[in-house]
PDB file of N, CA and C in Angstrom:
ATOM      1  N   MET A   1      15.166 -15.508  -0.166  1.00  0.00           N
ATOM      2  CA  MET A   1      15.649 -15.893  -1.567  1.00  0.00           C
ATOM      3  C   MET A   1      14.786 -17.129  -2.017  1.00  0.00           C
ATOM      4  N   TRP A   2      14.523 -18.048  -1.150  1.00  0.00           N
ATOM      5  CA  TRP A   2      13.745 -19.255  -1.423  1.00  0.00           C
ATOM      6  C   TRP A   2      12.344 -18.894  -1.905  1.00  0.00           C
ATOM      7  N   GLN A   3      11.803 -17.849  -1.305  1.00  0.00           N
ATOM      8  CA  GLN A   3      10.371 -17.555  -1.518  1.00  0.00           C
ATOM      9  C   GLN A   3      10.392 -16.928  -2.932  1.00  0.00           C
ATOM     10  N   TYR A   4      11.283 -16.216  -3.402  1.00  0.00           N
ATOM     11  CA  TYR A   4      11.252 -15.660  -4.712  1.00  0.00           C
ATOM     12  C   TYR A   4      11.426 -16.748  -5.673  1.00  0.00           C
ATOM     13  N   THR A   5      12.379 -17.641  -5.462  1.00  0.00           N
ATOM     14  CA  THR A   5      12.632 -18.698  -6.405  1.00  0.00           C
ATOM     15  C   THR A   5      11.385 -19.650  -6.571  1.00  0.00           C
ATOM     16  N   VAL A   6      10.786 -20.029  -5.502  1.00  0.00           N
ATOM     17  CA  VAL A   6       9.562 -20.789  -5.493  1.00  0.00           C
ATOM     18  C   VAL A   6       8.388 -20.025  -6.235  1.00  0.00           C
ATOM     19  N   TRP A   7       8.216 -18.824  -6.048  1.00  0.00           N
ATOM     20  CA  TRP A   7       7.227 -18.001  -6.748  1.00  0.00           C
ATOM     21  C   TRP A   7       7.470 -17.992  -8.367  1.00  0.00           C
ATOM     22  N   ARG A   8       8.813 -17.824  -8.720  1.00  0.00           N
ATOM     23  CA  ARG A   8       9.256 -17.854 -10.144  1.00  0.00           C
ATOM     24  C   ARG A   8       8.868 -19.193 -10.735  1.00  0.00           C
ATOM     25  N   LEU A   9       9.322 -20.342 -10.094  1.00  0.00           N
ATOM     26  CA  LEU A   9       9.004 -21.676 -10.503  1.00  0.00           C
ATOM     27  C   LEU A   9       7.570 -21.944 -10.616  1.00  0.00           C
ATOM     28  N   LEU A  10       6.864 -21.511  -9.711  1.00  0.00           N
ATOM     29  CA  LEU A  10       5.428 -21.759  -9.654  1.00  0.00           C
ATOM     30  C   LEU A  10       4.770 -20.974 -10.780  1.00  0.00           C
ATOM     31  N   LEU A  11       5.068 -19.780 -11.079  1.00  0.00           N
ATOM     32  CA  LEU A  11       4.576 -19.031 -12.231  1.00  0.00           C
ATOM     33  C   LEU A  11       4.939 -19.708 -13.520  1.00  0.00           C
ATOM     34  N   PHE A  12       6.189 -20.106 -13.600  1.00  0.00           N
ATOM     35  CA  PHE A  12       6.530 -20.816 -14.826  1.00  0.00           C
ATOM     36  C   PHE A  12       5.735 -22.062 -15.067  1.00  0.00           C
ATOM     37  N   ALA A  13       5.538 -22.904 -14.033  1.00  0.00           N
ATOM     38  CA  ALA A  13       4.794 -24.103 -14.041  1.00  0.00           C
ATOM     39  C   ALA A  13       3.417 -23.848 -14.518  1.00  0.00           C
ATOM     40  N   VAL A  14       2.769 -22.846 -13.878  1.00  0.00           N
ATOM     41  CA  VAL A  14       1.274 -22.552 -14.194  1.00  0.00           C
ATOM     42  C   VAL A  14       1.221 -22.193 -15.648  1.00  0.00           C
ATOM     43  N   LEU A  15       2.074 -21.220 -16.114  1.00  0.00           N
ATOM     44  CA  LEU A  15       2.149 -20.790 -17.538  1.00  0.00           C
ATOM     45  C   LEU A  15       2.341 -22.116 -18.509  1.00  0.00           C
ATOM     46  N   LEU A  16       3.358 -22.789 -18.175  1.00  0.00           N
ATOM     47  CA  LEU A  16       3.586 -24.076 -18.909  1.00  0.00           C
ATOM     48  C   LEU A  16       2.384 -25.026 -19.046  1.00  0.00           C
ATOM     49  N   LEU A  17       1.839 -25.274 -17.895  1.00  0.00           N
ATOM     50  CA  LEU A  17       0.645 -26.174 -17.976  1.00  0.00           C
ATOM     51  C   LEU A  17      -0.554 -25.492 -18.695  1.00  0.00           C
ATOM     52  N   ALA A  18      -0.728 -24.260 -18.686  1.00  0.00           N
ATOM     53  CA  ALA A  18      -1.863 -23.635 -19.349  1.00  0.00           C
ATOM     54  C   ALA A  18      -1.544 -23.674 -20.806  1.00  0.00           C
ATOM     55  N   LEU A  19      -0.328 -23.441 -21.290  1.00  0.00           N
ATOM     56  CA  LEU A  19       0.043 -23.481 -22.644  1.00  0.00           C
ATOM     57  C   LEU A  19      -0.147 -24.962 -23.182  1.00  0.00           C
ATOM     58  N   LEU A  20       0.294 -25.975 -22.406  1.00  0.00           N
ATOM     59  CA  LEU A  20       0.223 -27.423 -22.797  1.00  0.00           C
ATOM     60  C   LEU A  20      -1.389 -27.718 -22.912  1.00  0.00           C
ATOM     61  N   TRP A  21      -2.118 -27.277 -21.932  1.00  0.00           N
ATOM     62  CA  TRP A  21      -3.554 -27.490 -21.989  1.00  0.00           C
ATOM     63  C   TRP A  21      -4.202 -26.922 -23.132  1.00  0.00           C
ATOM     64  N   LEU A  22      -3.691 -25.839 -23.688  1.00  0.00           N
ATOM     65  CA  LEU A  22      -4.254 -25.217 -24.821  1.00  0.00           C
ATOM     66  C   LEU A  22      -3.818 -25.851 -26.164  1.00  0.00           C
ATOM     67  N   GLY A  23      -2.906 -26.732 -26.050  1.00  0.00           N
ATOM     68  CA  GLY A  23      -2.533 -27.555 -27.203  1.00  0.00           C
ATOM     69  C   GLY A  23      -1.261 -27.016 -27.855  1.00  0.00           C
ATOM     70  N   VAL A  24      -0.521 -26.142 -27.203  1.00  0.00           N
ATOM     71  CA  VAL A  24       0.811 -25.600 -27.843  1.00  0.00           C
ATOM     72  C   VAL A  24       1.813 -26.729 -27.818  1.00  0.00           C
ATOM     73  N   PRO A  25       2.543 -26.961 -28.871  1.00  0.00           N
ATOM     74  CA  PRO A  25       3.655 -27.972 -28.830  1.00  0.00           C
ATOM     75  C   PRO A  25       4.543 -27.744 -27.683  1.00  0.00           C
ATOM     76  N   GLU A  26       5.099 -28.950 -27.165  1.00  0.00           N
ATOM     77  CA  GLU A  26       5.957 -28.869 -25.895  1.00  0.00           C
ATOM     78  C   GLU A  26       7.123 -27.843 -25.987  1.00  0.00           C
ATOM     79  N   LEU A  27       7.837 -27.872 -27.065  1.00  0.00           N
ATOM     80  CA  LEU A  27       9.006 -27.010 -27.154  1.00  0.00           C
ATOM     81  C   LEU A  27       8.654 -25.530 -27.011  1.00  0.00           C
ATOM     82  N   TRP A  28       7.626 -25.179 -27.859  1.00  0.00           N
ATOM     83  CA  TRP A  28       7.120 -23.830 -27.931  1.00  0.00           C
ATOM     84  C   TRP A  28       6.511 -23.492 -26.600  1.00  0.00           C
ATOM     85  N   ALA A  29       5.806 -24.354 -25.868  1.00  0.00           N
ATOM     86  CA  ALA A  29       5.235 -24.019 -24.581  1.00  0.00           C
ATOM     87  C   ALA A  29       6.327 -23.752 -23.591  1.00  0.00           C
ATOM     88  N   LEU A  30       7.402 -24.547 -23.614  1.00  0.00           N
ATOM     89  CA  LEU A  30       8.557 -24.232 -22.738  1.00  0.00           C
ATOM     90  C   LEU A  30       9.097 -22.881 -23.124  1.00  0.00           C
ATOM     91  N   ILE A  31       9.393 -22.525 -24.337  1.00  0.00           N
ATOM     92  CA  ILE A  31       9.968 -21.263 -24.630  1.00  0.00           C
ATOM     93  C   ILE A  31       8.997 -20.176 -24.250  1.00  0.00           C
ATOM     94  N   PHE A  32       7.738 -20.234 -24.616  1.00  0.00           N
ATOM     95  CA  PHE A  32       6.764 -19.060 -24.295  1.00  0.00           C
ATOM     96  C   PHE A  32       6.525 -19.026 -22.693  1.00  0.00           C
ATOM     97  N   ALA A  33       6.542 -20.142 -22.068  1.00  0.00           N
ATOM     98  CA  ALA A  33       6.327 -20.099 -20.650  1.00  0.00           C
ATOM     99  C   ALA A  33       7.502 -19.501 -19.878  1.00  0.00           C
ATOM    100  N   ALA A  34       8.707 -19.828 -20.373  1.00  0.00           N
ATOM    101  CA  ALA A  34       9.962 -19.156 -19.873  1.00  0.00           C
ATOM    102  C   ALA A  34      10.037 -17.543 -20.100  1.00  0.00           C
ATOM    103  N   ALA A  35       9.654 -17.234 -21.369  1.00  0.00           N
ATOM    104  CA  ALA A  35       9.635 -15.792 -21.659  1.00  0.00           C
ATOM    105  C   ALA A  35       8.505 -15.033 -20.865  1.00  0.00           C
ATOM    106  N   PHE A  36       7.297 -15.640 -20.887  1.00  0.00           N
ATOM    107  CA  PHE A  36       6.170 -14.988 -20.202  1.00  0.00           C
ATOM    108  C   PHE A  36       6.429 -14.864 -18.774  1.00  0.00           C
ATOM    109  N   SER A  37       6.993 -16.005 -18.131  1.00  0.00           N
ATOM    110  CA  SER A  37       7.192 -16.011 -16.703  1.00  0.00           C
ATOM    111  C   SER A  37       8.321 -14.983 -16.278  1.00  0.00           C
ATOM    112  N   MET A  38       9.256 -14.867 -17.114  1.00  0.00           N
ATOM    113  CA  MET A  38      10.317 -13.899 -16.908  1.00  0.00           C
ATOM    114  C   MET A  38       9.757 -12.409 -16.850  1.00  0.00           C
ATOM    115  N   VAL A  39       8.926 -12.088 -17.861  1.00  0.00           N
ATOM    116  CA  VAL A  39       8.378 -10.733 -17.961  1.00  0.00           C
ATOM    117  C   VAL A  39       7.324 -10.558 -16.877  1.00  0.00           C
ATOM    118  N   THR A  40       6.531 -11.560 -16.714  1.00  0.00           N
ATOM    119  CA  THR A  40       5.475 -11.425 -15.620  1.00  0.00           C
ATOM    120  C   THR A  40       5.966 -11.256 -14.273  1.00  0.00           C
ATOM    121  N   SER A  41       7.068 -12.001 -13.936  1.00  0.00           N
ATOM    122  CA  SER A  41       7.661 -12.023 -12.570  1.00  0.00           C
ATOM    123  C   SER A  41       8.300 -10.683 -12.462  1.00  0.00           C
ATOM    124  N   PHE A  42       8.914 -10.005 -13.384  1.00  0.00           N
ATOM    125  CA  PHE A  42       9.449  -8.699 -13.209  1.00  0.00           C
ATOM    126  C   PHE A  42       8.417  -7.755 -12.656  1.00  0.00           C
ATOM    127  N   PHE A  43       7.187  -7.818 -13.064  1.00  0.00           N
ATOM    128  CA  PHE A  43       6.229  -7.042 -12.492  1.00  0.00           C
ATOM    129  C   PHE A  43       5.433  -7.476 -11.198  1.00  0.00           C
ATOM    130  N   LEU A  44       5.085  -8.677 -11.257  1.00  0.00           N
ATOM    131  CA  LEU A  44       4.373  -9.308 -10.054  1.00  0.00           C
ATOM    132  C   LEU A  44       5.243  -9.641  -8.863  1.00  0.00           C
ATOM    133  N   LEU A  45       6.388  -9.897  -9.097  1.00  0.00           N
ATOM    134  CA  LEU A  45       7.303 -10.355  -7.884  1.00  0.00           C
ATOM    135  C   LEU A  45       8.328  -9.214  -7.477  1.00  0.00           C
ATOM    136  N   ARG A  46       7.921  -8.070  -7.741  1.00  0.00           N
ATOM    137  CA  ARG A  46       8.860  -6.941  -7.433  1.00  0.00           C
ATOM    138  C   ARG A  46       9.201  -6.903  -5.946  1.00  0.00           C
ATOM    139  N   ARG A  47       8.207  -7.059  -5.078  1.00  0.00           N
ATOM    140  CA  ARG A  47       8.413  -6.981  -3.608  1.00  0.00           C
ATOM    141  C   ARG A  47       9.331  -8.040  -3.273  1.00  0.00           C
ATOM    142  N   GLN A  48       9.150  -9.276  -3.623  1.00  0.00           N
ATOM    143  CA  GLN A  48      10.009 -10.373  -3.290  1.00  0.00           C
ATOM    144  C   GLN A  48      11.415 -10.201  -3.804  1.00  0.00           C
ATOM    145  N   ARG A  49      11.509  -9.816  -5.145  1.00  0.00           N
ATOM    146  CA  ARG A  49      12.915  -9.438  -5.592  1.00  0.00           C
ATOM    147  C   ARG A  49      13.592  -8.449  -4.868  1.00  0.00           C
ATOM    148  N   GLU A  50      12.989  -7.407  -4.457  1.00  0.00           N
ATOM    149  CA  GLU A  50      13.632  -6.337  -3.653  1.00  0.00           C
ATOM    150  C   GLU A  50      13.993  -6.751  -2.256  1.00  0.00           C
ATOM    151  N   GLU A  51      13.082  -7.631  -1.632  1.00  0.00           N
ATOM    152  CA  GLU A  51      13.427  -8.220  -0.336  1.00  0.00           C
ATOM    153  C   GLU A  51      14.670  -9.149  -0.437  1.00  0.00           C
ATOM    154  N   MET A  52      14.764  -9.896  -1.476  1.00  0.00           N
ATOM    155  CA  MET A  52      15.898 -10.827  -1.688  1.00  0.00           C
ATOM    156  C   MET A  52      17.105 -10.032  -1.960  1.00  0.00           C
ATOM    157  N   ALA A  53      17.090  -8.923  -2.636  1.00  0.00           N
ATOM    158  CA  ALA A  53      18.240  -8.118  -2.947  1.00  0.00           C
ATOM    159  C   ALA A  53      18.681  -7.429  -1.528  1.00  0.00           C
ATOM    160  N   ARG A  54      17.692  -6.993  -0.724  1.00  0.00           N
ATOM    161  CA  ARG A  54      18.182  -6.437   0.626  1.00  0.00           C
ATOM    162  C   ARG A  54      18.816  -7.542   1.454  1.00  0.00           C
ATOM    163  N   ASP A  55      18.306  -8.748   1.461  1.00  0.00           N
ATOM    164  CA  ASP A  55      18.909  -9.835   2.232  1.00  0.00           C
ATOM    165  C   ASP A  55      20.283 -10.060   1.711  1.00  0.00           C
ATOM    166  N   LEU A  56      20.494 -10.159   0.508  1.00  0.00           N
ATOM    167  CA  LEU A  56      21.857 -10.440  -0.119  1.00  0.00           C
ATOM    168  C   LEU A  56      22.828  -9.360   0.286  1.00  0.00           C
ATOM    169  N   GLU A  57      22.300  -8.081   0.119  1.00  0.00           N
ATOM    170  CA  GLU A  57      23.133  -6.920   0.523  1.00  0.00           C
ATOM    171  C   GLU A  57      23.584  -6.949   1.981  1.00  0.00           C
ATOM    172  N   ALA A  58      22.608  -7.354   2.707  1.00  0.00           N
ATOM    173  CA  ALA A  58      22.976  -7.471   4.229  1.00  0.00           C
ATOM    174  C   ALA A  58      23.925  -8.628   4.407  1.00  0.00           C
ATOM    175  N   LYS A  59      23.931  -9.767   3.762  1.00  0.00           N
ATOM    176  CA  LYS A  59      24.802 -10.811   3.997  1.00  0.00           C
ATOM    177  C   LYS A  59      26.252 -10.363   3.474  1.00  0.00           C
ATOM    178  N   VAL A  60      26.253  -9.625   2.329  1.00  0.00           N
ATOM    179  CA  VAL A  60      27.588  -9.210   1.834  1.00  0.00           C
ATOM    180  C   VAL A  60      28.197  -8.126   2.826  1.00  0.00           C
ATOM    181  N   ALA A  61      27.441  -7.270   3.299  1.00  0.00           N
ATOM    182  CA  ALA A  61      28.016  -6.314   4.223  1.00  0.00           C
ATOM    183  C   ALA A  61      28.477  -7.047   5.555  1.00  0.00           C
ATOM    184  N   ALA A  62      27.651  -7.978   6.031  1.00  0.00           N
ATOM    185  CA  ALA A  62      28.148  -8.811   7.250  1.00  0.00           C
ATOM    186  C   ALA A  62      29.435  -9.513   7.006  1.00  0.00           C
ATOM    187  N   ARG A  63      29.508 -10.118   5.786  1.00  0.00           N
ATOM    188  CA  ARG A  63      30.691 -10.828   5.380  1.00  0.00           C
ATOM    189  C   ARG A  63      31.953  -9.799   5.281  1.00  0.00           C
ATOM    190  N   ARG A  64      31.690  -8.756   4.766  1.00  0.00           N
ATOM    191  CA  ARG A  64      32.710  -7.717   4.533  1.00  0.00           C
ATOM    192  C   ARG A  64      33.255  -7.212   5.979  1.00  0.00           C
ATOM    193  N   ARG A  65      32.244  -7.081   6.897  1.00  0.00           N
ATOM    194  CA  ARG A  65      32.735  -6.538   8.278  1.00  0.00           C
ATOM    195  C   ARG A  65      33.479  -7.682   8.919  1.00  0.00           C
ATOM    196  N   ARG A  66      33.073  -8.940   8.831  1.00  0.00           N
ATOM    197  CA  ARG A  66      33.822 -10.008   9.333  1.00  0.00           C
ATOM    198  C   ARG A  66      35.300 -10.086   8.727  1.00  0.00           C
ATOM    199  N   ARG A  67      35.354  -9.913   7.505  1.00  0.00           N
ATOM    200  CA  ARG A  67      36.612 -10.025   6.850  1.00  0.00           C
ATOM    201  C   ARG A  67      37.513  -8.903   7.348  1.00  0.00           C
ATOM    202  N   GLU A  68      36.994  -7.607   7.393  1.00  0.00           N
ATOM    203  CA  GLU A  68      37.814  -6.538   7.883  1.00  0.00           C
ATOM    204  C   GLU A  68      38.200  -6.695   9.296  1.00  0.00           C
ATOM    205  N   ALA A  69      37.380  -7.257  10.236  1.00  0.00           N
ATOM    206  CA  ALA A  69      37.720  -7.530  11.558  1.00  0.00           C
ATOM    207  C   ALA A  69      38.757  -8.608  11.622  1.00  0.00           C
ATOM    208  N   ARG A  70      38.689  -9.652  10.791  1.00  0.00           N
ATOM    209  CA  ARG A  70      39.744 -10.682  10.817  1.00  0.00           C
ATOM    210  C   ARG A  70      41.089 -10.156  10.345  1.00  0.00           C
ATOM    211  N   LEU A  71      40.987  -9.315   9.310  1.00  0.00           N
ATOM    212  CA  LEU A  71      42.218  -8.728   8.822  1.00  0.00           C
ATOM    213  C   LEU A  71      42.931  -7.721   9.868  1.00  0.00           C
ATOM    214  N   ALA A  72      41.982  -7.023  10.531  1.00  0.00           N
ATOM    215  CA  ALA A  72      42.584  -6.140  11.582  1.00  0.00           C
ATOM    216  C   ALA A  72      43.147  -6.822  12.729  1.00  0.00           C
ATOM    217  N   ALA A  73      42.616  -7.924  13.007  1.00  0.00           N
ATOM    218  CA  ALA A  73      43.161  -8.823  14.101  1.00  0.00           C
ATOM    219  C   ALA A  73      44.463  -9.569  13.766  1.00  0.00           C
ATOM    220  N   GLU A  74      44.645  -9.697  12.501  1.00  0.00           N
ATOM    221  CA  GLU A  74      45.874 -10.382  12.101  1.00  0.00           C
ATOM    222  C   GLU A  74      47.048  -9.438  11.871  1.00  0.00           C
ATOM    223  N   ARG A  75      46.716  -8.095  11.924  1.00  0.00           N
ATOM    224  CA  ARG A  75      47.842  -7.145  11.720  1.00  0.00           C
ATOM    225  C   ARG A  75      48.807  -7.232  12.971  1.00  0.00           C
ATOM    226  N   THR A  76      50.061  -7.022  12.698  1.00  0.00           N
ATOM    227  CA  THR A  76      51.058  -6.876  13.718  1.00  0.00           C
ATOM    228  C   THR A  76      51.249  -5.455  14.063  1.00  0.00           C
ATOM    229  N   ASP A  77      51.962  -5.368  15.226  1.00  0.00           N
ATOM    230  CA  ASP A  77      52.166  -4.040  15.863  1.00  0.00           C
ATOM    231  C   ASP A  77      53.134  -3.293  14.841  1.00  0.00           C
ATOM    232  N   GLU A  78      53.981  -3.913  14.272  1.00  0.00           N
ATOM    233  CA  GLU A  78      54.888  -3.323  13.252  1.00  0.00           C
ATOM    234  C   GLU A  78      54.133  -2.579  12.150  1.00  0.00           C
ATOM    235  N   GLU A  79      53.206  -3.348  11.605  1.00  0.00           N
ATOM    236  CA  GLU A  79      52.378  -2.793  10.517  1.00  0.00           C
ATOM    237  C   GLU A  79      51.634  -1.492  10.993  1.00  0.00           C
ATOM    238  N   ALA A  80      51.156  -1.605  12.222  1.00  0.00           N
ATOM    239  CA  ALA A  80      50.401  -0.370  12.836  1.00  0.00           C
ATOM    240  C   ALA A  80      51.386   0.684  13.001  1.00  0.00           C
ATOM    241  N   GLU A  81      52.635   0.433  13.428  1.00  0.00           N
ATOM    242  CA  GLU A  81      53.611   1.576  13.645  1.00  0.00           C
ATOM    243  C   GLU A  81      53.984   2.115  12.342  1.00  0.00           C
ATOM    244  N   ASP A  82      54.058   1.249  11.261  1.00  0.00           N
ATOM    245  CA  ASP A  82      54.479   1.826   9.857  1.00  0.00           C
ATOM    246  C   ASP A  82      53.387   2.698   9.466  1.00  0.00           C
ATOM    247  N   GLU A  83      52.151   2.430   9.675  1.00  0.00           N
ATOM    248  CA  GLU A  83      51.067   3.286   9.151  1.00  0.00           C
ATOM    249  C   GLU A  83      51.009   4.605   9.916  1.00  0.00           C
ATOM    250  N   GLU A  84      51.455   4.687  11.250  1.00  0.00           N
ATOM    251  CA  GLU A  84      51.380   5.881  11.898  1.00  0.00           C
ATOM    252  C   GLU A  84      52.396   6.949  11.446  1.00  0.00           C
ATOM    253  N   GLY A  85      53.381   6.552  10.667  1.00  0.00           N
ATOM    254  CA  GLY A  85      54.304   7.499  10.007  1.00  0.00           C
ATOM    255  C   GLY A  85      55.596   7.579  10.807  1.00  0.00           C
ATOM    256  N   PRO A  86      56.481   8.379  10.397  1.00  0.00           N
ATOM    257  CA  PRO A  86      57.773   8.523  10.999  1.00  0.00           C
ATOM    258  C   PRO A  86      57.636   9.130  12.433  1.00  0.00           C
ATOM    259  N   GLY A  87      58.396   8.653  13.437  1.00  0.00           N
ATOM    260  CA  GLY A  87      58.364   9.172  14.745  1.00  0.00           C
ATOM    261  C   GLY A  87      59.340  10.420  14.789  1.00  0.00           C
ATOM    262  N   PRO A  88      59.609  10.835  16.061  1.00  0.00           N
ATOM    263  CA  PRO A  88      60.546  11.890  16.106  1.00  0.00           C
ATOM    264  C   PRO A  88      61.903  11.541  15.604  1.00  0.00           C
ATOM    265  N   THR A  89      62.528  12.464  14.955  1.00  0.00           N
ATOM    266  CA  THR A  89      63.917  12.142  14.430  1.00  0.00           C
ATOM    267  C   THR A  89      64.927  12.587  15.423  1.00  0.00           C
ATOM    268  N   ALA A  90      65.931  11.747  15.500  1.00  0.00           N
ATOM    269  CA  ALA A  90      67.167  12.051  16.433  1.00  0.00           C
ATOM    270  C   ALA A  90      68.118  12.919  15.720  1.00  0.00           C
ATOM    271  N   ARG A  91      68.571  13.818  16.548  1.00  0.00           N
ATOM    272  CA  ARG A  91      69.593  14.839  15.890  1.00  0.00           C
ATOM    273  C   ARG A  91      70.907  14.633  16.423  1.00  0.00           C
TER     274      ARG A  91
END
């Protein structure tokens, strides 16, 4: 995730400096640099973005597994028996 963020910031900074060097007023340079870096990063940083998404997905899945394991460990025997359904009926 850090790699993607660093590349996005670097792209923004390079575009901002280039626009300022060309004499674009500061406010417009900020706006154009933000817009251009957003569009450009969509295409240039695709691999990093997909890698970041896979990492986040893996973290969420691991967190979900840990939570499910914790909840399963907290269950009592009575809850487990309740889920099994009714036992044999006495006549």
